[in-house]
Amino acid sequence: MCIRDRPYPNHNGGSLAFGPDGYLYAGLGDGGSANDPLGAGQRLDTWLGKLLRLDVTSVDGEYGVPDDNPFVGQEGAQGEIWAYGLRNPWRFSFDRATGDVFIADVGQNQWEEVNFQPAGSGGGENYGWNIMEATHCFQTQTCDQTGLVLPIFEYTHSQGCSVTGGYVYRGEAFPEMMGNYFVTDYCTGIIWRLFPQADGWLTDIVLDSDIVISTFGEGADSEIYLADYVHGAIYRLRPG
């Protein structure tokens, strides 16, 4: 599997993960440059700007397309597509307890966002790029938001520059963190937690660090780790 004629050198996405269904999911950026000049986020004839879902166990040396992918058989659409409307999904993850998916999507010039797909979804969600940047119409005062799934969390570039997605905590060492999804900003090191409530999502800052966090990791014991890009260090997330 490869993308030929790569249009630009940036916005490559950045995650591979097996879902609870045993399929391999891949997050791909919109192809690069700025403002999605190819319109890839909203096009179904390209893998760019998408979350893909693949069966990598069906045939040796090849992958298959699951029959229940949302665009299988649709003329002009790539059957591998599971969800679309993404700009540069820098880390998505499954909640290992529920199967919910959290997708951190790097914004353009003003807004960073985290999108959510509930477990049991049939796929096909459109997360809005480049009609919207987070919950805001992109480069226009108004836009048609019909059918778009808006993010559960956003922050402005006054608080950072590039979102790095993490994991939902399901470890045993720190029960007070149970069920919290952690996400950070690459430039400022601010770490937020997100927690579902009846009327939406609780979001607050848990640490204003000086770490340049390029990625999170989840151990076999469900503890969460951070990678410091500048100093080459690994930290374990724990309450303050």
C-alpha atoms as a PDB file:
ATOM      1  CA  MET A   1       0.000   0.000   0.000  1.00  0.00           C
ATOM      2  CA  CYS A   2       1.452   3.365  -0.988  1.00  0.00           C
ATOM      3  CA  ILE A   3       0.355   6.785  -2.139  1.00  0.00           C
ATOM      4  CA  ARG A   4       1.918   7.637  -5.463  1.00  0.00           C
ATOM      5  CA  ASP A   5       2.547  11.160  -6.721  1.00  0.00           C
ATOM      6  CA  ARG A   6       2.694  12.559  -3.211  1.00  0.00           C
ATOM      7  CA  PRO A   7       1.566  16.160  -3.753  1.00  0.00           C
ATOM      8  CA  TYR A   8       3.405  17.947  -0.923  1.00  0.00           C
ATOM      9  CA  PRO A   9       5.947  16.976   1.768  1.00  0.00           C
ATOM     10  CA  ASN A  10       3.770  17.697   4.823  1.00  0.00           C
ATOM     11  CA  HIS A  11       0.475  16.581   6.376  1.00  0.00           C
ATOM     12  CA  ASN A  12       1.223  12.876   6.370  1.00  0.00           C
ATOM     13  CA  GLY A  13      -0.986  11.883   9.272  1.00  0.00           C
ATOM     14  CA  GLY A  14       0.705   9.665  11.754  1.00  0.00           C
ATOM     15  CA  SER A  15      -1.012   6.628  13.258  1.00  0.00           C
ATOM     16  CA  LEU A  16      -1.642   2.954  12.674  1.00  0.00           C
ATOM     17  CA  ALA A  17      -3.747   0.970  15.125  1.00  0.00           C
ATOM     18  CA  PHE A  18      -5.685  -2.256  15.248  1.00  0.00           C
ATOM     19  CA  GLY A  19      -9.266  -1.737  16.318  1.00  0.00           C
ATOM     20  CA  PRO A  20     -11.331  -4.002  18.579  1.00  0.00           C
ATOM     21  CA  ASP A  21     -12.745  -5.549  15.391  1.00  0.00           C
ATOM     22  CA  GLY A  22      -9.286  -6.800  14.373  1.00  0.00           C
ATOM     23  CA  TYR A  23      -8.994  -4.477  11.391  1.00  0.00           C
ATOM     24  CA  LEU A  24      -6.076  -2.117  10.843  1.00  0.00           C
ATOM     25  CA  TYR A  25      -6.877   1.608  10.873  1.00  0.00           C
ATOM     26  CA  ALA A  26      -4.604   4.208   9.258  1.00  0.00           C
ATOM     27  CA  GLY A  27      -4.814   7.998   9.624  1.00  0.00           C
ATOM     28  CA  LEU A  28      -3.649   9.987   6.583  1.00  0.00           C
ATOM     29  CA  GLY A  29      -3.240  13.745   6.159  1.00  0.00           C
ATOM     30  CA  ASP A  30      -4.775  15.750   3.335  1.00  0.00           C
ATOM     31  CA  GLY A  31      -1.596  15.751   1.219  1.00  0.00           C
ATOM     32  CA  GLY A  32      -0.047  18.968   2.447  1.00  0.00           C
ATOM     33  CA  SER A  33       0.560  22.582   1.480  1.00  0.00           C
ATOM     34  CA  ALA A  34      -1.960  24.881   3.185  1.00  0.00           C
ATOM     35  CA  ASN A  35      -5.744  25.208   3.080  1.00  0.00           C
ATOM     36  CA  ASP A  36      -6.118  21.794   1.370  1.00  0.00           C
ATOM     37  CA  PRO A  37      -5.669  23.110  -2.194  1.00  0.00           C
ATOM     38  CA  LEU A  38      -6.594  19.713  -3.662  1.00  0.00           C
ATOM     39  CA  GLY A  39      -9.826  19.540  -1.676  1.00  0.00           C
ATOM     40  CA  ALA A  40      -8.748  16.096  -0.506  1.00  0.00           C
ATOM     41  CA  GLY A  41     -10.491  16.242   2.852  1.00  0.00           C
ATOM     42  CA  GLN A  42     -13.935  16.223   1.245  1.00  0.00           C
ATOM     43  CA  ARG A  43     -13.162  13.978  -1.732  1.00  0.00           C
ATOM     44  CA  LEU A  44     -13.948  10.280  -1.586  1.00  0.00           C
ATOM     45  CA  ASP A  45     -11.756   9.382  -4.568  1.00  0.00           C
ATOM     46  CA  THR A  46      -8.520   9.734  -2.579  1.00  0.00           C
ATOM     47  CA  TRP A  47      -7.129   8.248   0.630  1.00  0.00           C
ATOM     48  CA  LEU A  48      -5.774  11.660   1.642  1.00  0.00           C
ATOM     49  CA  GLY A  49      -7.446  13.353   4.600  1.00  0.00           C
ATOM     50  CA  LYS A  50      -9.010  10.093   5.754  1.00  0.00           C
ATOM     51  CA  LEU A  51      -9.152   7.348   8.343  1.00  0.00           C
ATOM     52  CA  LEU A  52      -8.821   4.040   6.495  1.00  0.00           C
ATOM     53  CA  ARG A  53      -9.970   0.581   7.620  1.00  0.00           C
ATOM     54  CA  LEU A  54      -8.191  -2.477   6.232  1.00  0.00           C
ATOM     55  CA  ASP A  55      -8.254  -6.237   6.613  1.00  0.00           C
ATOM     56  CA  VAL A  56      -4.611  -7.321   6.724  1.00  0.00           C
ATOM     57  CA  THR A  57      -5.246 -10.986   7.506  1.00  0.00           C
ATOM     58  CA  SER A  58      -7.326 -12.069   4.531  1.00  0.00           C
ATOM     59  CA  VAL A  59      -4.590 -12.694   1.941  1.00  0.00           C
ATOM     60  CA  ASP A  60      -0.861 -13.208   2.471  1.00  0.00           C
ATOM     61  CA  GLY A  61       1.114 -10.168   1.326  1.00  0.00           C
ATOM     62  CA  GLU A  62      -1.978  -8.114   0.536  1.00  0.00           C
ATOM     63  CA  TYR A  63      -4.777  -6.367   2.352  1.00  0.00           C
ATOM     64  CA  GLY A  64      -8.508  -6.649   1.841  1.00  0.00           C
ATOM     65  CA  VAL A  65     -11.289  -4.108   2.131  1.00  0.00           C
ATOM     66  CA  PRO A  66     -13.922  -5.062   4.727  1.00  0.00           C
ATOM     67  CA  ASP A  67     -17.326  -5.523   3.118  1.00  0.00           C
ATOM     68  CA  ASP A  68     -18.990  -3.276   5.691  1.00  0.00           C
ATOM     69  CA  ASN A  69     -16.765  -0.251   5.085  1.00  0.00           C
ATOM     70  CA  PRO A  70     -19.185   2.652   4.449  1.00  0.00           C
ATOM     71  CA  PHE A  71     -18.196   3.480   0.858  1.00  0.00           C
ATOM     72  CA  VAL A  72     -17.670  -0.006  -0.532  1.00  0.00           C
ATOM     73  CA  GLY A  73     -19.375  -0.217  -3.920  1.00  0.00           C
ATOM     74  CA  GLN A  74     -19.992   3.524  -4.169  1.00  0.00           C
ATOM     75  CA  GLU A  75     -18.977   4.809  -7.586  1.00  0.00           C
ATOM     76  CA  GLY A  76     -15.934   7.077  -7.486  1.00  0.00           C
ATOM     77  CA  ALA A  77     -15.172   6.317  -3.824  1.00  0.00           C
ATOM     78  CA  GLN A  78     -12.229   4.454  -2.327  1.00  0.00           C
ATOM     79  CA  GLY A  79     -13.523   1.442  -0.426  1.00  0.00           C
ATOM     80  CA  GLU A  80     -10.764   1.667   2.183  1.00  0.00           C
ATOM     81  CA  ILE A  81     -12.205   4.922   3.596  1.00  0.00           C
ATOM     82  CA  TRP A  82     -13.742   4.659   7.049  1.00  0.00           C
ATOM     83  CA  ALA A  83     -14.094   8.376   7.897  1.00  0.00           C
ATOM     84  CA  TYR A  84     -13.108  11.623   6.157  1.00  0.00           C
ATOM     85  CA  GLY A  85     -12.819  15.383   6.473  1.00  0.00           C
ATOM     86  CA  LEU A  86      -9.445  15.319   8.278  1.00  0.00           C
ATOM     87  CA  ARG A  87      -6.511  17.677   7.803  1.00  0.00           C
ATOM     88  CA  ASN A  88      -3.596  15.965   9.552  1.00  0.00           C
ATOM     89  CA  PRO A  89      -4.677  13.415  12.176  1.00  0.00           C
ATOM     90  CA  TRP A  90      -1.599  13.455  14.383  1.00  0.00           C
ATOM     91  CA  ARG A  91      -2.459  10.474  16.541  1.00  0.00           C
ATOM     92  CA  PHE A  92      -5.749   8.668  16.920  1.00  0.00           C
ATOM     93  CA  SER A  93      -6.434   5.952  19.471  1.00  0.00           C
ATOM     94  CA  PHE A  94      -9.046   3.455  20.607  1.00  0.00           C
ATOM     95  CA  ASP A  95     -10.328   3.398  24.155  1.00  0.00           C
ATOM     96  CA  ARG A  96      -9.396  -0.180  25.040  1.00  0.00           C
ATOM     97  CA  ALA A  97     -12.364  -0.433  27.430  1.00  0.00           C
ATOM     98  CA  THR A  98     -15.135   0.896  25.173  1.00  0.00           C
ATOM     99  CA  GLY A  99     -13.811   0.862  21.599  1.00  0.00           C
ATOM    100  CA  ASP A 100     -14.494   4.593  21.146  1.00  0.00           C
ATOM    101  CA  VAL A 101     -12.066   6.392  18.807  1.00  0.00           C
ATOM    102  CA  PHE A 102     -10.413   9.746  19.550  1.00  0.00           C
ATOM    103  CA  ILE A 103      -8.827  11.559  16.585  1.00  0.00           C
ATOM    104  CA  ALA A 104      -6.596  14.582  17.204  1.00  0.00           C
ATOM    105  CA  ASP A 105      -6.504  16.668  14.021  1.00  0.00           C
ATOM    106  CA  VAL A 106      -3.919  19.410  13.490  1.00  0.00           C
ATOM    107  CA  GLY A 107      -5.501  22.715  12.466  1.00  0.00           C
ATOM    108  CA  GLN A 108      -4.545  25.360   9.920  1.00  0.00           C
ATOM    109  CA  ASN A 109      -3.851  28.781  11.410  1.00  0.00           C
ATOM    110  CA  GLN A 110      -6.283  29.213  14.289  1.00  0.00           C
ATOM    111  CA  TRP A 111      -7.809  26.059  15.774  1.00  0.00           C
ATOM    112  CA  GLU A 112      -6.718  22.604  16.911  1.00  0.00           C
ATOM    113  CA  GLU A 113      -9.287  19.873  17.506  1.00  0.00           C
ATOM    114  CA  VAL A 114     -10.135  16.418  18.835  1.00  0.00           C
ATOM    115  CA  ASN A 115     -12.803  14.396  17.059  1.00  0.00           C
ATOM    116  CA  PHE A 116     -14.746  11.457  18.431  1.00  0.00           C
ATOM    117  CA  GLN A 117     -16.247   8.322  16.912  1.00  0.00           C
ATOM    118  CA  PRO A 118     -18.347   6.187  19.255  1.00  0.00           C
ATOM    119  CA  ALA A 119     -17.887   2.439  19.404  1.00  0.00           C
ATOM    120  CA  GLY A 120     -20.346   0.659  17.160  1.00  0.00           C
ATOM    121  CA  SER A 121     -20.255   3.385  14.532  1.00  0.00           C
ATOM    122  CA  GLY A 122     -20.747   2.171  10.993  1.00  0.00           C
ATOM    123  CA  GLY A 123     -18.169   4.684   9.769  1.00  0.00           C
ATOM    124  CA  GLY A 124     -18.659   7.365   7.167  1.00  0.00           C
ATOM    125  CA  GLU A 125     -18.318  10.348   9.509  1.00  0.00           C
ATOM    126  CA  ASN A 126     -17.321  13.637   7.891  1.00  0.00           C
ATOM    127  CA  TYR A 127     -15.243  15.672  10.337  1.00  0.00           C
ATOM    128  CA  GLY A 128     -15.473  18.827   8.294  1.00  0.00           C
ATOM    129  CA  TRP A 129     -12.110  19.802   6.836  1.00  0.00           C
ATOM    130  CA  ASN A 130     -11.800  22.006   4.780  1.00  0.00           C
ATOM    131  CA  ILE A 131     -15.345  23.281   5.090  1.00  0.00           C
ATOM    132  CA  MET A 132     -14.520  23.936   8.709  1.00  0.00           C
ATOM    133  CA  GLU A 133     -11.544  24.280  11.008  1.00  0.00           C
ATOM    134  CA  ALA A 134     -12.757  22.764  14.294  1.00  0.00           C
ATOM    135  CA  THR A 135     -16.195  24.337  14.940  1.00  0.00           C
ATOM    136  CA  HIS A 136     -15.534  27.383  12.743  1.00  0.00           C
ATOM    137  CA  CYS A 137     -16.282  27.917   9.076  1.00  0.00           C
ATOM    138  CA  PHE A 138     -12.985  27.952   7.224  1.00  0.00           C
ATOM    139  CA  GLN A 139     -12.150  31.208   5.409  1.00  0.00           C
ATOM    140  CA  THR A 140     -15.839  32.147   5.215  1.00  0.00           C
ATOM    141  CA  GLN A 141     -18.382  33.717   7.550  1.00  0.00           C
ATOM    142  CA  THR A 142     -20.959  31.008   6.901  1.00  0.00           C
ATOM    143  CA  CYS A 143     -20.818  27.450   5.599  1.00  0.00           C
ATOM    144  CA  ASP A 144     -23.100  24.475   5.075  1.00  0.00           C
ATOM    145  CA  GLN A 145     -22.562  22.200   8.067  1.00  0.00           C
ATOM    146  CA  THR A 146     -25.109  19.603   7.017  1.00  0.00           C
ATOM    147  CA  GLY A 147     -23.870  16.113   7.840  1.00  0.00           C
ATOM    148  CA  LEU A 148     -20.675  17.270   9.535  1.00  0.00           C
ATOM    149  CA  VAL A 149     -19.519  15.844  12.870  1.00  0.00           C
ATOM    150  CA  LEU A 150     -18.068  18.625  15.012  1.00  0.00           C
ATOM    151  CA  PRO A 151     -15.170  18.097  17.427  1.00  0.00           C
ATOM    152  CA  ILE A 152     -15.582  17.416  21.127  1.00  0.00           C
ATOM    153  CA  PHE A 153     -12.659  19.713  21.966  1.00  0.00           C
ATOM    154  CA  GLU A 154     -10.858  22.630  20.377  1.00  0.00           C
ATOM    155  CA  TYR A 155      -8.314  25.243  21.391  1.00  0.00           C
ATOM    156  CA  THR A 156      -6.889  28.332  19.751  1.00  0.00           C
ATOM    157  CA  HIS A 157      -3.341  29.117  18.716  1.00  0.00           C
ATOM    158  CA  SER A 158      -3.085  31.407  21.707  1.00  0.00           C
ATOM    159  CA  GLN A 159      -2.646  28.131  23.644  1.00  0.00           C
ATOM    160  CA  GLY A 160      -0.469  26.249  21.198  1.00  0.00           C
ATOM    161  CA  CYS A 161       0.185  25.385  17.579  1.00  0.00           C
ATOM    162  CA  SER A 162      -0.198  21.658  16.924  1.00  0.00           C
ATOM    163  CA  VAL A 163      -2.296  19.059  18.703  1.00  0.00           C
ATOM    164  CA  THR A 164      -0.827  15.689  19.717  1.00  0.00           C
ATOM    165  CA  GLY A 165      -3.448  13.070  20.501  1.00  0.00           C
ATOM    166  CA  GLY A 166      -3.150  10.645  23.382  1.00  0.00           C
ATOM    167  CA  TYR A 167      -5.127   7.871  25.059  1.00  0.00           C
ATOM    168  CA  VAL A 168      -7.941   7.204  27.482  1.00  0.00           C
ATOM    169  CA  TYR A 169      -6.453   6.108  30.793  1.00  0.00           C
ATOM    170  CA  ARG A 170      -7.392   2.529  31.695  1.00  0.00           C
ATOM    171  CA  GLY A 171      -4.519   1.677  34.033  1.00  0.00           C
ATOM    172  CA  GLU A 172      -4.701   0.614  37.672  1.00  0.00           C
ATOM    173  CA  ALA A 173      -1.965   2.713  39.239  1.00  0.00           C
ATOM    174  CA  PHE A 174      -3.955   5.959  39.337  1.00  0.00           C
ATOM    175  CA  PRO A 175      -7.695   5.228  39.621  1.00  0.00           C
ATOM    176  CA  GLU A 176      -8.486   8.945  39.854  1.00  0.00           C
ATOM    177  CA  MET A 177      -7.491   9.252  36.175  1.00  0.00           C
ATOM    178  CA  MET A 178      -9.745   6.414  35.010  1.00  0.00           C
ATOM    179  CA  GLY A 179     -11.703   7.199  31.843  1.00  0.00           C
ATOM    180  CA  ASN A 180      -9.915  10.492  31.160  1.00  0.00           C
ATOM    181  CA  TYR A 181      -8.647  11.104  27.639  1.00  0.00           C
ATOM    182  CA  PHE A 182      -5.347  13.008  27.593  1.00  0.00           C
ATOM    183  CA  VAL A 183      -4.198  15.300  24.797  1.00  0.00           C
ATOM    184  CA  THR A 184      -1.425  17.876  24.510  1.00  0.00           C
ATOM    185  CA  ASP A 185      -0.008  20.645  22.356  1.00  0.00           C
ATOM    186  CA  TYR A 186       3.368  20.111  20.723  1.00  0.00           C
ATOM    187  CA  CYS A 187       4.533  23.719  21.084  1.00  0.00           C
ATOM    188  CA  THR A 188       3.445  24.628  24.602  1.00  0.00           C
ATOM    189  CA  GLY A 189       3.391  21.277  26.421  1.00  0.00           C
ATOM    190  CA  ILE A 190      -0.037  21.977  27.897  1.00  0.00           C
ATOM    191  CA  ILE A 191      -1.851  18.717  28.704  1.00  0.00           C
ATOM    192  CA  TRP A 192      -5.642  18.603  28.874  1.00  0.00           C
ATOM    193  CA  ARG A 193      -7.974  15.896  30.063  1.00  0.00           C
ATOM    194  CA  LEU A 194     -11.357  15.225  28.492  1.00  0.00           C
ATOM    195  CA  PHE A 195     -14.081  13.348  30.335  1.00  0.00           C
ATOM    196  CA  PRO A 196     -17.626  12.583  29.095  1.00  0.00           C
ATOM    197  CA  GLN A 197     -20.589  13.941  31.001  1.00  0.00           C
ATOM    198  CA  ALA A 198     -24.326  13.921  30.389  1.00  0.00           C
ATOM    199  CA  ASP A 199     -24.310  17.408  28.864  1.00  0.00           C
ATOM    200  CA  GLY A 200     -21.042  17.179  26.916  1.00  0.00           C
ATOM    201  CA  TRP A 201     -17.351  16.880  27.707  1.00  0.00           C
ATOM    202  CA  LEU A 202     -15.520  18.167  30.748  1.00  0.00           C
ATOM    203  CA  THR A 203     -12.216  19.667  29.644  1.00  0.00           C
ATOM    204  CA  ASP A 204      -9.517  21.205  31.771  1.00  0.00           C
ATOM    205  CA  ILE A 205      -5.768  21.728  31.879  1.00  0.00           C
ATOM    206  CA  VAL A 206      -3.980  19.226  34.115  1.00  0.00           C
ATOM    207  CA  LEU A 207      -0.381  20.281  33.432  1.00  0.00           C
ATOM    208  CA  ASP A 208       1.369  23.237  31.820  1.00  0.00           C
ATOM    209  CA  SER A 209       4.661  21.500  31.127  1.00  0.00           C
ATOM    210  CA  ASP A 210       7.849  22.510  29.352  1.00  0.00           C
ATOM    211  CA  ILE A 211       7.990  19.213  27.431  1.00  0.00           C
ATOM    212  CA  VAL A 212       7.877  19.068  23.633  1.00  0.00           C
ATOM    213  CA  ILE A 213       5.559  16.064  23.381  1.00  0.00           C
ATOM    214  CA  SER A 214       5.619  14.441  19.968  1.00  0.00           C
ATOM    215  CA  THR A 215       3.581  11.384  20.857  1.00  0.00           C
ATOM    216  CA  PHE A 216       1.926   9.346  23.590  1.00  0.00           C
ATOM    217  CA  GLY A 217       2.228   5.637  24.203  1.00  0.00           C
ATOM    218  CA  GLU A 218       0.116   3.076  26.019  1.00  0.00           C
ATOM    219  CA  GLY A 219       1.782   0.226  27.873  1.00  0.00           C
ATOM    220  CA  ALA A 220       0.578  -3.348  28.111  1.00  0.00           C
ATOM    221  CA  ASP A 221      -0.564  -2.412  31.614  1.00  0.00           C
ATOM    222  CA  SER A 222      -2.616   0.509  30.177  1.00  0.00           C
ATOM    223  CA  GLU A 223      -0.345   3.121  31.755  1.00  0.00           C
ATOM    224  CA  ILE A 224       0.221   6.191  29.544  1.00  0.00           C
ATOM    225  CA  TYR A 225       3.637   7.483  28.513  1.00  0.00           C
ATOM    226  CA  LEU A 226       4.908  10.677  26.845  1.00  0.00           C
ATOM    227  CA  ALA A 227       7.808  11.108  24.433  1.00  0.00           C
ATOM    228  CA  ASP A 228       9.933  14.269  24.761  1.00  0.00           C
ATOM    229  CA  TYR A 229      11.080  15.126  21.246  1.00  0.00           C
ATOM    230  CA  VAL A 230      13.833  17.543  22.314  1.00  0.00           C
ATOM    231  CA  HIS A 231      15.534  15.582  25.094  1.00  0.00           C
ATOM    232  CA  GLY A 232      14.791  12.069  23.930  1.00  0.00           C
ATOM    233  CA  ALA A 233      13.153  11.139  27.215  1.00  0.00           C
ATOM    234  CA  ILE A 234      10.115   9.010  28.043  1.00  0.00           C
ATOM    235  CA  TYR A 235       7.827   9.991  30.925  1.00  0.00           C
ATOM    236  CA  ARG A 236       4.951   8.183  32.568  1.00  0.00           C
ATOM    237  CA  LEU A 237       1.782  10.172  33.051  1.00  0.00           C
ATOM    238  CA  ARG A 238       0.714  10.431  36.674  1.00  0.00           C
ATOM    239  CA  PRO A 239      -1.393  12.776  38.808  1.00  0.00           C
ATOM    240  CA  GLY A 240       0.281  15.929  40.071  1.00  0.00           C
END
